[in-house]
Amino acid sequence: MKTSAFSEQQLQKMKTHPGFIAALDQSGGSTPNALRSYGIKEDAWSNEAEMLAIVHQMRTRIMTSPSFTGERILGAILFENTMDREIEGQPSADYLWNVKRVVPFLKVDKGLATETRDVHLMKPMPQLAALLEKAKAKRIFGTKMRSVINDANAAGITDIVNQQFEAARQIIAAGLVPIIEPEVDIHSPEKAKAEALLKAAILEKLNELPAGQLVMLKITLPEQDDLYVECVGHPRVVRVLALSGGYTREECNNRLRRNHGVVASFSRALVEGLSAQQSDAEYNALLDASIQSIFEASNT
């Protein structure tokens, strides 16, 4: 994989620095829910452009907070609209790295396909090559793409992992580091069995990657503690991340402490309790406490 000196510095941070990744990439259908949780009702906007502007204000408040720095936060996952905007006069990705020393990632998937074989594959991504070129031009380090496993269907899980690694190869070839996110639904009736099948399928694909090709993994916090320890130590894996998946922050942190070498990449659990109505002092104090609790759980 070709990396510039710029991304080599970021790669070393991702590999070795203590911290976690902030997932700031809700988009599409999840955006109104994210805004509602933040205390902004749907009558605050009249079209998608206005809604996205409000989302950017919400994201900007997080990223410009004094507590949001590279000391505890390794990276931040953005969605395309955030990447295309500016923060304090700089393109969002440049602001994250130049000002905060936080490594920028981009969500590249286009959402979930209809369920087949108990899983949701990613929708087709015909514009992926163009999006990767755009991401590189905007100095994005890596990407993220999510699919969902609803039950322990071996064929469906194989489909998910094959699709994820196929896209990952294209992303690696473009000079970016992919985060592979095959989420297991926390309400899956056979969650532990699904996770065991998923780990086996992931390890098979990791072992097929040529030397120098690197990925990151983002997984649901598993029923079996340290289930992904072989992935944590795998030479092709930069970092193993955990998604929050609907668990509360407290539950996420408790589970995370029991999975050594795995660090958080939380979305809802990171911003839990934050609202537009809070004063800057209240907001920053709550975000600081949230970041500290997740940082400690990620680096037990």
C-alpha atoms as a PDB file:
ATOM      1  CA  MET A   1       0.000   0.000   0.000  1.00  0.00           C
ATOM      2  CA  LYS A   2       1.353   3.414  -0.933  1.00  0.00           C
ATOM      3  CA  THR A   3       1.326   5.889   1.936  1.00  0.00           C
ATOM      4  CA  SER A   4       2.602   9.437   2.033  1.00  0.00           C
ATOM      5  CA  ALA A   5       4.712  10.719   4.940  1.00  0.00           C
ATOM      6  CA  PHE A   6       1.536  12.499   6.037  1.00  0.00           C
ATOM      7  CA  SER A   7      -0.506   9.310   6.286  1.00  0.00           C
ATOM      8  CA  GLU A   8       2.453   7.338   7.701  1.00  0.00           C
ATOM      9  CA  GLN A   9       2.386   9.621  10.740  1.00  0.00           C
ATOM     10  CA  GLN A  10      -1.343   9.007  11.050  1.00  0.00           C
ATOM     11  CA  LEU A  11      -0.863   5.254  10.621  1.00  0.00           C
ATOM     12  CA  GLN A  12       1.617   5.146  13.485  1.00  0.00           C
ATOM     13  CA  LYS A  13      -0.829   7.048  15.673  1.00  0.00           C
ATOM     14  CA  MET A  14      -3.605   4.580  14.823  1.00  0.00           C
ATOM     15  CA  LYS A  15      -1.349   1.611  15.598  1.00  0.00           C
ATOM     16  CA  THR A  16       0.320   2.726  18.801  1.00  0.00           C
ATOM     17  CA  HIS A  17      -1.408   5.661  20.506  1.00  0.00           C
ATOM     18  CA  PRO A  18      -3.870   5.118  23.372  1.00  0.00           C
ATOM     19  CA  GLY A  19      -7.351   6.414  22.652  1.00  0.00           C
ATOM     20  CA  PHE A  20     -10.514   5.633  20.728  1.00  0.00           C
ATOM     21  CA  ILE A  21     -12.373   6.669  17.562  1.00  0.00           C
ATOM     22  CA  ALA A  22     -15.370   9.002  17.590  1.00  0.00           C
ATOM     23  CA  ALA A  23     -18.117   7.885  15.192  1.00  0.00           C
ATOM     24  CA  LEU A  24     -19.708  11.103  13.910  1.00  0.00           C
ATOM     25  CA  ASP A  25     -21.124   9.603  10.734  1.00  0.00           C
ATOM     26  CA  GLN A  26     -24.893   9.230  11.146  1.00  0.00           C
ATOM     27  CA  SER A  27     -26.489  10.157   7.844  1.00  0.00           C
ATOM     28  CA  GLY A  28     -29.633   9.573   5.820  1.00  0.00           C
ATOM     29  CA  GLY A  29     -32.454   8.020   7.821  1.00  0.00           C
ATOM     30  CA  SER A  30     -30.585   8.159  11.144  1.00  0.00           C
ATOM     31  CA  THR A  31     -30.079  11.937  11.069  1.00  0.00           C
ATOM     32  CA  PRO A  32     -33.517  13.030  12.400  1.00  0.00           C
ATOM     33  CA  ASN A  33     -33.133  10.572  15.282  1.00  0.00           C
ATOM     34  CA  ALA A  34     -29.663  11.919  16.093  1.00  0.00           C
ATOM     35  CA  LEU A  35     -31.000  15.482  16.077  1.00  0.00           C
ATOM     36  CA  ARG A  36     -34.013  14.509  18.201  1.00  0.00           C
ATOM     37  CA  SER A  37     -31.710  12.956  20.799  1.00  0.00           C
ATOM     38  CA  TYR A  38     -29.747  16.224  20.755  1.00  0.00           C
ATOM     39  CA  GLY A  39     -32.895  18.187  21.587  1.00  0.00           C
ATOM     40  CA  ILE A  40     -33.732  19.498  18.099  1.00  0.00           C
ATOM     41  CA  LYS A  41     -37.205  18.646  16.786  1.00  0.00           C
ATOM     42  CA  GLU A  42     -38.053  18.065  13.132  1.00  0.00           C
ATOM     43  CA  ASP A  43     -39.866  21.402  12.826  1.00  0.00           C
ATOM     44  CA  ALA A  44     -36.441  23.093  13.096  1.00  0.00           C
ATOM     45  CA  TRP A  45     -35.828  22.488   9.370  1.00  0.00           C
ATOM     46  CA  SER A  46     -37.973  22.526   6.256  1.00  0.00           C
ATOM     47  CA  ASN A  47     -35.741  20.630   3.790  1.00  0.00           C
ATOM     48  CA  GLU A  48     -32.723  18.347   3.681  1.00  0.00           C
ATOM     49  CA  ALA A  49     -30.239  21.177   3.100  1.00  0.00           C
ATOM     50  CA  GLU A  50     -31.383  22.931   6.282  1.00  0.00           C
ATOM     51  CA  MET A  51     -31.275  19.642   8.204  1.00  0.00           C
ATOM     52  CA  LEU A  52     -27.699  18.953   7.075  1.00  0.00           C
ATOM     53  CA  ALA A  53     -26.651  22.483   8.071  1.00  0.00           C
ATOM     54  CA  ILE A  54     -28.015  21.841  11.585  1.00  0.00           C
ATOM     55  CA  VAL A  55     -26.195  18.484  11.698  1.00  0.00           C
ATOM     56  CA  HIS A  56     -22.971  20.257  10.790  1.00  0.00           C
ATOM     57  CA  GLN A  57     -23.485  22.714  13.654  1.00  0.00           C
ATOM     58  CA  MET A  58     -23.958  19.745  15.996  1.00  0.00           C
ATOM     59  CA  ARG A  59     -20.813  18.032  14.673  1.00  0.00           C
ATOM     60  CA  THR A  60     -18.819  21.281  14.796  1.00  0.00           C
ATOM     61  CA  ARG A  61     -19.738  21.809  18.447  1.00  0.00           C
ATOM     62  CA  ILE A  62     -18.330  18.346  19.249  1.00  0.00           C
ATOM     63  CA  MET A  63     -15.137  18.727  17.225  1.00  0.00           C
ATOM     64  CA  THR A  64     -14.323  22.257  18.422  1.00  0.00           C
ATOM     65  CA  SER A  65     -14.905  21.395  22.096  1.00  0.00           C
ATOM     66  CA  PRO A  66     -11.723  21.771  24.192  1.00  0.00           C
ATOM     67  CA  SER A  67     -12.143  18.158  25.342  1.00  0.00           C
ATOM     68  CA  PHE A  68     -12.097  16.790  21.784  1.00  0.00           C
ATOM     69  CA  THR A  69      -8.383  16.399  21.016  1.00  0.00           C
ATOM     70  CA  GLY A  70      -5.908  13.800  19.827  1.00  0.00           C
ATOM     71  CA  GLU A  71      -4.723  13.168  23.370  1.00  0.00           C
ATOM     72  CA  ARG A  72      -7.649  10.796  23.949  1.00  0.00           C
ATOM     73  CA  ILE A  73      -9.279  10.553  20.500  1.00  0.00           C
ATOM     74  CA  LEU A  74      -7.394   8.708  17.766  1.00  0.00           C
ATOM     75  CA  GLY A  75      -9.750   9.391  14.879  1.00  0.00           C
ATOM     76  CA  ALA A  76     -13.178  10.579  13.843  1.00  0.00           C
ATOM     77  CA  ILE A  77     -15.505   9.021  11.251  1.00  0.00           C
ATOM     78  CA  LEU A  78     -17.337  11.583   9.123  1.00  0.00           C
ATOM     79  CA  PHE A  79     -20.046  11.231   6.536  1.00  0.00           C
ATOM     80  CA  GLU A  80     -19.574  12.794   3.120  1.00  0.00           C
ATOM     81  CA  ASN A  81     -21.520  15.974   3.804  1.00  0.00           C
ATOM     82  CA  THR A  82     -19.305  16.755   6.817  1.00  0.00           C
ATOM     83  CA  MET A  83     -16.144  16.079   4.788  1.00  0.00           C
ATOM     84  CA  ASP A  84     -17.372  18.538   2.158  1.00  0.00           C
ATOM     85  CA  ARG A  85     -17.848  21.347   4.705  1.00  0.00           C
ATOM     86  CA  GLU A  86     -15.464  23.499   6.740  1.00  0.00           C
ATOM     87  CA  ILE A  87     -14.764  23.928  10.438  1.00  0.00           C
ATOM     88  CA  GLU A  88     -13.316  27.268  11.555  1.00  0.00           C
ATOM     89  CA  GLY A  89     -12.272  28.096   7.996  1.00  0.00           C
ATOM     90  CA  GLN A  90     -10.577  24.783   7.170  1.00  0.00           C
ATOM     91  CA  PRO A  91     -11.909  21.704   5.372  1.00  0.00           C
ATOM     92  CA  SER A  92     -13.237  19.360   8.072  1.00  0.00           C
ATOM     93  CA  ALA A  93     -10.546  16.681   7.629  1.00  0.00           C
ATOM     94  CA  ASP A  94      -7.758  19.288   7.688  1.00  0.00           C
ATOM     95  CA  TYR A  95      -9.192  20.851  10.836  1.00  0.00           C
ATOM     96  CA  LEU A  96      -9.307  17.463  12.569  1.00  0.00           C
ATOM     97  CA  TRP A  97      -5.664  16.653  11.823  1.00  0.00           C
ATOM     98  CA  ASN A  98      -4.011  20.098  11.749  1.00  0.00           C
ATOM     99  CA  VAL A  99      -5.744  21.537  14.814  1.00  0.00           C
ATOM    100  CA  LYS A 100      -6.810  18.520  16.879  1.00  0.00           C
ATOM    101  CA  ARG A 101      -4.374  15.763  15.753  1.00  0.00           C
ATOM    102  CA  VAL A 102      -7.386  13.513  15.172  1.00  0.00           C
ATOM    103  CA  VAL A 103      -7.152  11.170  12.155  1.00  0.00           C
ATOM    104  CA  PRO A 104     -10.062  11.625   9.686  1.00  0.00           C
ATOM    105  CA  PHE A 105     -12.097   8.723   8.289  1.00  0.00           C
ATOM    106  CA  LEU A 106     -15.008   8.748   5.821  1.00  0.00           C
ATOM    107  CA  LYS A 107     -18.153   6.584   5.830  1.00  0.00           C
ATOM    108  CA  VAL A 108     -18.378   5.284   2.239  1.00  0.00           C
ATOM    109  CA  ASP A 109     -21.300   2.841   2.251  1.00  0.00           C
ATOM    110  CA  LYS A 110     -24.695   3.853   0.858  1.00  0.00           C
ATOM    111  CA  GLY A 111     -26.781   2.109   3.492  1.00  0.00           C
ATOM    112  CA  LEU A 112     -28.176  -1.381   3.913  1.00  0.00           C
ATOM    113  CA  ALA A 113     -29.838  -3.625   1.348  1.00  0.00           C
ATOM    114  CA  THR A 114     -33.034  -5.574   2.082  1.00  0.00           C
ATOM    115  CA  GLU A 115     -32.465  -8.551   4.389  1.00  0.00           C
ATOM    116  CA  THR A 116     -31.377 -11.791   2.727  1.00  0.00           C
ATOM    117  CA  ARG A 117     -30.186 -14.918   4.582  1.00  0.00           C
ATOM    118  CA  ASP A 118     -30.620 -13.128   7.939  1.00  0.00           C
ATOM    119  CA  VAL A 119     -28.186 -10.330   7.036  1.00  0.00           C
ATOM    120  CA  HIS A 120     -28.249  -6.880   5.507  1.00  0.00           C
ATOM    121  CA  LEU A 121     -25.511  -6.549   2.892  1.00  0.00           C
ATOM    122  CA  MET A 122     -24.400  -3.087   1.843  1.00  0.00           C
ATOM    123  CA  LYS A 123     -26.212  -1.503  -1.070  1.00  0.00           C
ATOM    124  CA  PRO A 124     -24.147  -1.392  -4.298  1.00  0.00           C
ATOM    125  CA  MET A 125     -21.498   1.349  -4.384  1.00  0.00           C
ATOM    126  CA  PRO A 126     -21.034   2.148  -8.097  1.00  0.00           C
ATOM    127  CA  GLN A 127     -19.463   5.536  -7.289  1.00  0.00           C
ATOM    128  CA  LEU A 128     -16.922   4.160  -4.797  1.00  0.00           C
ATOM    129  CA  ALA A 129     -13.860   4.775  -6.985  1.00  0.00           C
ATOM    130  CA  ALA A 130     -14.797   8.428  -7.487  1.00  0.00           C
ATOM    131  CA  LEU A 131     -15.554   8.870  -3.775  1.00  0.00           C
ATOM    132  CA  LEU A 132     -12.166   7.400  -2.826  1.00  0.00           C
ATOM    133  CA  GLU A 133     -10.397   9.834  -5.159  1.00  0.00           C
ATOM    134  CA  LYS A 134     -12.340  12.699  -3.594  1.00  0.00           C
ATOM    135  CA  ALA A 135     -11.477  11.459  -0.104  1.00  0.00           C
ATOM    136  CA  LYS A 136      -7.789  11.299  -0.940  1.00  0.00           C
ATOM    137  CA  ALA A 137      -7.898  14.848  -2.329  1.00  0.00           C
ATOM    138  CA  LYS A 138      -9.455  15.973   0.957  1.00  0.00           C
ATOM    139  CA  ARG A 139      -6.718  14.190   2.947  1.00  0.00           C
ATOM    140  CA  ILE A 140      -8.880  11.466   4.459  1.00  0.00           C
ATOM    141  CA  PHE A 141      -6.846   8.617   6.001  1.00  0.00           C
ATOM    142  CA  GLY A 142      -9.356   5.769   5.907  1.00  0.00           C
ATOM    143  CA  THR A 143     -12.927   4.674   5.296  1.00  0.00           C
ATOM    144  CA  LYS A 144     -15.758   2.906   7.097  1.00  0.00           C
ATOM    145  CA  MET A 145     -18.532   0.684   5.720  1.00  0.00           C
ATOM    146  CA  ARG A 146     -21.256  -1.092   7.676  1.00  0.00           C
ATOM    147  CA  SER A 147     -23.378  -4.179   7.144  1.00  0.00           C
ATOM    148  CA  VAL A 148     -25.595  -5.968   9.695  1.00  0.00           C
ATOM    149  CA  ILE A 149     -25.987  -9.577  10.838  1.00  0.00           C
ATOM    150  CA  ASN A 150     -29.381 -10.372  12.378  1.00  0.00           C
ATOM    151  CA  ASP A 151     -28.927 -14.069  13.110  1.00  0.00           C
ATOM    152  CA  ALA A 152     -26.432 -16.952  13.025  1.00  0.00           C
ATOM    153  CA  ASN A 153     -26.826 -17.840   9.341  1.00  0.00           C
ATOM    154  CA  ALA A 154     -23.443 -19.137   8.141  1.00  0.00           C
ATOM    155  CA  ALA A 155     -24.169 -18.447   4.452  1.00  0.00           C
ATOM    156  CA  GLY A 156     -25.353 -14.912   5.154  1.00  0.00           C
ATOM    157  CA  ILE A 157     -22.335 -14.169   7.343  1.00  0.00           C
ATOM    158  CA  THR A 158     -20.014 -15.450   4.616  1.00  0.00           C
ATOM    159  CA  ASP A 159     -21.787 -13.140   2.133  1.00  0.00           C
ATOM    160  CA  ILE A 160     -21.237 -10.165   4.475  1.00  0.00           C
ATOM    161  CA  VAL A 161     -17.538 -10.847   5.013  1.00  0.00           C
ATOM    162  CA  ASN A 162     -16.888 -11.515   1.314  1.00  0.00           C
ATOM    163  CA  GLN A 163     -18.561  -8.229   0.337  1.00  0.00           C
ATOM    164  CA  GLN A 164     -16.690  -6.271   3.011  1.00  0.00           C
ATOM    165  CA  PHE A 165     -13.275  -7.613   2.001  1.00  0.00           C
ATOM    166  CA  GLU A 166     -13.992  -7.169  -1.709  1.00  0.00           C
ATOM    167  CA  ALA A 167     -14.668  -3.458  -1.106  1.00  0.00           C
ATOM    168  CA  ALA A 168     -11.681  -3.303   1.271  1.00  0.00           C
ATOM    169  CA  ARG A 169      -9.331  -4.442  -1.495  1.00  0.00           C
ATOM    170  CA  GLN A 170     -10.512  -1.569  -3.697  1.00  0.00           C
ATOM    171  CA  ILE A 171     -10.056   0.896  -0.824  1.00  0.00           C
ATOM    172  CA  ILE A 172      -6.549  -0.384  -0.034  1.00  0.00           C
ATOM    173  CA  ALA A 173      -5.620  -0.109  -3.727  1.00  0.00           C
ATOM    174  CA  ALA A 174      -6.669   3.554  -3.586  1.00  0.00           C
ATOM    175  CA  GLY A 175      -4.196   4.158  -0.741  1.00  0.00           C
ATOM    176  CA  LEU A 176      -6.686   4.361   2.134  1.00  0.00           C
ATOM    177  CA  VAL A 177      -7.184   2.149   5.197  1.00  0.00           C
ATOM    178  CA  PRO A 178     -10.656   0.533   5.355  1.00  0.00           C
ATOM    179  CA  ILE A 179     -12.629  -0.036   8.540  1.00  0.00           C
ATOM    180  CA  ILE A 180     -14.635  -3.230   7.992  1.00  0.00           C
ATOM    181  CA  GLU A 181     -17.835  -3.130  10.078  1.00  0.00           C
ATOM    182  CA  PRO A 182     -19.972  -6.288  10.076  1.00  0.00           C
ATOM    183  CA  GLU A 183     -22.281  -5.397  12.980  1.00  0.00           C
ATOM    184  CA  VAL A 184     -24.033  -8.201  14.849  1.00  0.00           C
ATOM    185  CA  ASP A 185     -27.405  -6.927  16.067  1.00  0.00           C
ATOM    186  CA  ILE A 186     -27.354  -6.863  19.883  1.00  0.00           C
ATOM    187  CA  HIS A 187     -30.873  -8.367  19.854  1.00  0.00           C
ATOM    188  CA  SER A 188     -29.883 -11.340  17.687  1.00  0.00           C
ATOM    189  CA  PRO A 189     -31.453 -14.519  19.168  1.00  0.00           C
ATOM    190  CA  GLU A 190     -28.171 -16.398  18.628  1.00  0.00           C
ATOM    191  CA  LYS A 191     -25.710 -13.549  19.053  1.00  0.00           C
ATOM    192  CA  ALA A 192     -22.840 -15.623  20.470  1.00  0.00           C
ATOM    193  CA  LYS A 193     -23.120 -18.202  17.670  1.00  0.00           C
ATOM    194  CA  ALA A 194     -23.267 -15.452  15.022  1.00  0.00           C
ATOM    195  CA  GLU A 195     -20.141 -13.872  16.500  1.00  0.00           C
ATOM    196  CA  ALA A 196     -18.229 -17.157  16.455  1.00  0.00           C
ATOM    197  CA  LEU A 197     -19.132 -17.669  12.774  1.00  0.00           C
ATOM    198  CA  LEU A 198     -18.175 -14.065  12.006  1.00  0.00           C
ATOM    199  CA  LYS A 199     -14.777 -14.305  13.669  1.00  0.00           C
ATOM    200  CA  ALA A 200     -13.913 -17.482  11.753  1.00  0.00           C
ATOM    201  CA  ALA A 201     -14.911 -15.877   8.436  1.00  0.00           C
ATOM    202  CA  ILE A 202     -12.935 -12.698   9.196  1.00  0.00           C
ATOM    203  CA  LEU A 203      -9.783 -14.607  10.157  1.00  0.00           C
ATOM    204  CA  GLU A 204      -9.955 -16.609   6.926  1.00  0.00           C
ATOM    205  CA  LYS A 205     -10.058 -13.384   4.887  1.00  0.00           C
ATOM    206  CA  LEU A 206      -7.353 -11.671   6.971  1.00  0.00           C
ATOM    207  CA  ASN A 207      -5.018 -14.600   6.342  1.00  0.00           C
ATOM    208  CA  GLU A 208      -5.537 -14.185   2.582  1.00  0.00           C
ATOM    209  CA  LEU A 209      -4.456 -10.520   2.572  1.00  0.00           C
ATOM    210  CA  PRO A 210      -0.987  -9.932   1.064  1.00  0.00           C
ATOM    211  CA  ALA A 211       1.763  -8.481   3.253  1.00  0.00           C
ATOM    212  CA  GLY A 212       1.468  -4.709   3.587  1.00  0.00           C
ATOM    213  CA  GLN A 213      -2.306  -4.643   3.056  1.00  0.00           C
ATOM    214  CA  LEU A 214      -3.889  -3.292   6.224  1.00  0.00           C
ATOM    215  CA  VAL A 215      -7.457  -3.106   7.496  1.00  0.00           C
ATOM    216  CA  MET A 216      -9.241  -2.123  10.672  1.00  0.00           C
ATOM    217  CA  LEU A 217     -12.183  -4.035  12.141  1.00  0.00           C
ATOM    218  CA  LYS A 218     -15.249  -2.593  13.876  1.00  0.00           C
ATOM    219  CA  ILE A 219     -17.297  -5.174  15.730  1.00  0.00           C
ATOM    220  CA  THR A 220     -20.212  -5.469  18.140  1.00  0.00           C
ATOM    221  CA  LEU A 221     -19.051  -5.994  21.729  1.00  0.00           C
ATOM    222  CA  PRO A 222     -19.209  -9.809  21.933  1.00  0.00           C
ATOM    223  CA  GLU A 223     -20.887 -12.215  24.352  1.00  0.00           C
ATOM    224  CA  GLN A 224     -17.602 -14.085  24.850  1.00  0.00           C
ATOM    225  CA  ASP A 225     -14.936 -11.836  26.367  1.00  0.00           C
ATOM    226  CA  ASP A 226     -11.759 -11.469  24.286  1.00  0.00           C
ATOM    227  CA  LEU A 227     -13.417 -13.270  21.379  1.00  0.00           C
ATOM    228  CA  TYR A 228     -11.485 -11.155  18.860  1.00  0.00           C
ATOM    229  CA  VAL A 229      -8.053 -11.442  20.509  1.00  0.00           C
ATOM    230  CA  GLU A 230      -6.626 -13.180  17.405  1.00  0.00           C
ATOM    231  CA  CYS A 231      -7.786 -10.248  15.296  1.00  0.00           C
ATOM    232  CA  VAL A 232      -6.233  -7.742  17.729  1.00  0.00           C
ATOM    233  CA  GLY A 233      -2.856  -9.405  17.266  1.00  0.00           C
ATOM    234  CA  HIS A 234      -3.153 -10.082  13.524  1.00  0.00           C
ATOM    235  CA  PRO A 235      -0.351  -8.511  11.423  1.00  0.00           C
ATOM    236  CA  ARG A 236      -2.851  -7.197   8.815  1.00  0.00           C
ATOM    237  CA  VAL A 237      -5.014  -5.416  11.426  1.00  0.00           C
ATOM    238  CA  VAL A 238      -4.181  -1.846  12.454  1.00  0.00           C
ATOM    239  CA  ARG A 239      -6.774  -1.760  15.245  1.00  0.00           C
ATOM    240  CA  VAL A 240      -9.926  -3.538  16.377  1.00  0.00           C
ATOM    241  CA  LEU A 241     -12.759  -1.153  17.254  1.00  0.00           C
ATOM    242  CA  ALA A 242     -16.051  -1.715  19.052  1.00  0.00           C
ATOM    243  CA  LEU A 243     -19.358  -0.126  18.059  1.00  0.00           C
ATOM    244  CA  SER A 244     -21.933   0.841  20.684  1.00  0.00           C
ATOM    245  CA  GLY A 245     -24.820  -0.876  18.883  1.00  0.00           C
ATOM    246  CA  GLY A 246     -27.580   0.453  21.115  1.00  0.00           C
ATOM    247  CA  TYR A 247     -26.014  -0.442  24.457  1.00  0.00           C
ATOM    248  CA  THR A 248     -25.865   2.394  27.004  1.00  0.00           C
ATOM    249  CA  ARG A 249     -22.485   4.036  27.558  1.00  0.00           C
ATOM    250  CA  GLU A 250     -22.150   2.254  30.906  1.00  0.00           C
ATOM    251  CA  GLU A 251     -22.855  -1.155  29.369  1.00  0.00           C
ATOM    252  CA  CYS A 252     -20.500  -0.407  26.453  1.00  0.00           C
ATOM    253  CA  ASN A 253     -17.684   0.573  28.782  1.00  0.00           C
ATOM    254  CA  ASN A 254     -18.205  -2.475  31.015  1.00  0.00           C
ATOM    255  CA  ARG A 255     -18.083  -4.826  28.031  1.00  0.00           C
ATOM    256  CA  LEU A 256     -15.145  -2.973  26.481  1.00  0.00           C
ATOM    257  CA  ARG A 257     -13.000  -3.406  29.606  1.00  0.00           C
ATOM    258  CA  ARG A 258     -13.378  -7.172  29.246  1.00  0.00           C
ATOM    259  CA  ASN A 259     -12.135  -7.190  25.619  1.00  0.00           C
ATOM    260  CA  HIS A 260      -8.440  -6.419  25.839  1.00  0.00           C
ATOM    261  CA  GLY A 261      -6.836  -4.558  22.964  1.00  0.00           C
ATOM    262  CA  VAL A 262     -10.213  -3.470  21.537  1.00  0.00           C
ATOM    263  CA  VAL A 263     -10.928   0.287  21.595  1.00  0.00           C
ATOM    264  CA  ALA A 264     -14.214   2.142  21.268  1.00  0.00           C
ATOM    265  CA  SER A 265     -15.695   3.627  18.132  1.00  0.00           C
ATOM    266  CA  PHE A 266     -18.934   4.818  19.677  1.00  0.00           C
ATOM    267  CA  SER A 267     -21.637   6.999  18.181  1.00  0.00           C
ATOM    268  CA  ARG A 268     -24.736   7.140  20.393  1.00  0.00           C
ATOM    269  CA  ALA A 269     -22.794   6.183  23.532  1.00  0.00           C
ATOM    270  CA  LEU A 270     -20.337   9.050  22.937  1.00  0.00           C
ATOM    271  CA  VAL A 271     -22.966  11.799  22.647  1.00  0.00           C
ATOM    272  CA  GLU A 272     -25.397  10.354  25.207  1.00  0.00           C
ATOM    273  CA  GLY A 273     -26.787  13.219  27.304  1.00  0.00           C
ATOM    274  CA  LEU A 274     -25.550  16.087  25.113  1.00  0.00           C
ATOM    275  CA  SER A 275     -28.139  18.629  24.002  1.00  0.00           C
ATOM    276  CA  ALA A 276     -28.381  21.836  22.000  1.00  0.00           C
ATOM    277  CA  GLN A 277     -29.905  23.587  25.018  1.00  0.00           C
ATOM    278  CA  GLN A 278     -26.866  23.132  27.290  1.00  0.00           C
ATOM    279  CA  SER A 279     -24.514  26.026  27.975  1.00  0.00           C
ATOM    280  CA  ASP A 280     -20.976  25.622  26.626  1.00  0.00           C
ATOM    281  CA  ALA A 281     -19.734  24.965  30.166  1.00  0.00           C
ATOM    282  CA  GLU A 282     -22.324  22.223  30.773  1.00  0.00           C
ATOM    283  CA  TYR A 283     -21.843  20.728  27.317  1.00  0.00           C
ATOM    284  CA  ASN A 284     -18.042  20.656  27.467  1.00  0.00           C
ATOM    285  CA  ALA A 285     -18.009  19.207  30.987  1.00  0.00           C
ATOM    286  CA  LEU A 286     -20.372  16.382  29.985  1.00  0.00           C
ATOM    287  CA  LEU A 287     -18.482  15.633  26.766  1.00  0.00           C
ATOM    288  CA  ASP A 288     -15.193  15.634  28.689  1.00  0.00           C
ATOM    289  CA  ALA A 289     -16.562  13.126  31.214  1.00  0.00           C
ATOM    290  CA  SER A 290     -17.935  10.943  28.404  1.00  0.00           C
ATOM    291  CA  ILE A 291     -14.625  11.000  26.528  1.00  0.00           C
ATOM    292  CA  GLN A 292     -12.677  10.188  29.707  1.00  0.00           C
ATOM    293  CA  SER A 293     -14.882   7.223  30.617  1.00  0.00           C
ATOM    294  CA  ILE A 294     -14.638   5.775  27.091  1.00  0.00           C
ATOM    295  CA  PHE A 295     -10.891   6.446  26.956  1.00  0.00           C
ATOM    296  CA  GLU A 296     -10.346   4.578  30.245  1.00  0.00           C
ATOM    297  CA  ALA A 297     -12.506   1.642  29.138  1.00  0.00           C
ATOM    298  CA  SER A 298     -10.634   1.492  25.811  1.00  0.00           C
ATOM    299  CA  ASN A 299      -7.212   1.424  27.450  1.00  0.00           C
ATOM    300  CA  THR A 300      -7.708  -0.805  30.474  1.00  0.00           C
END
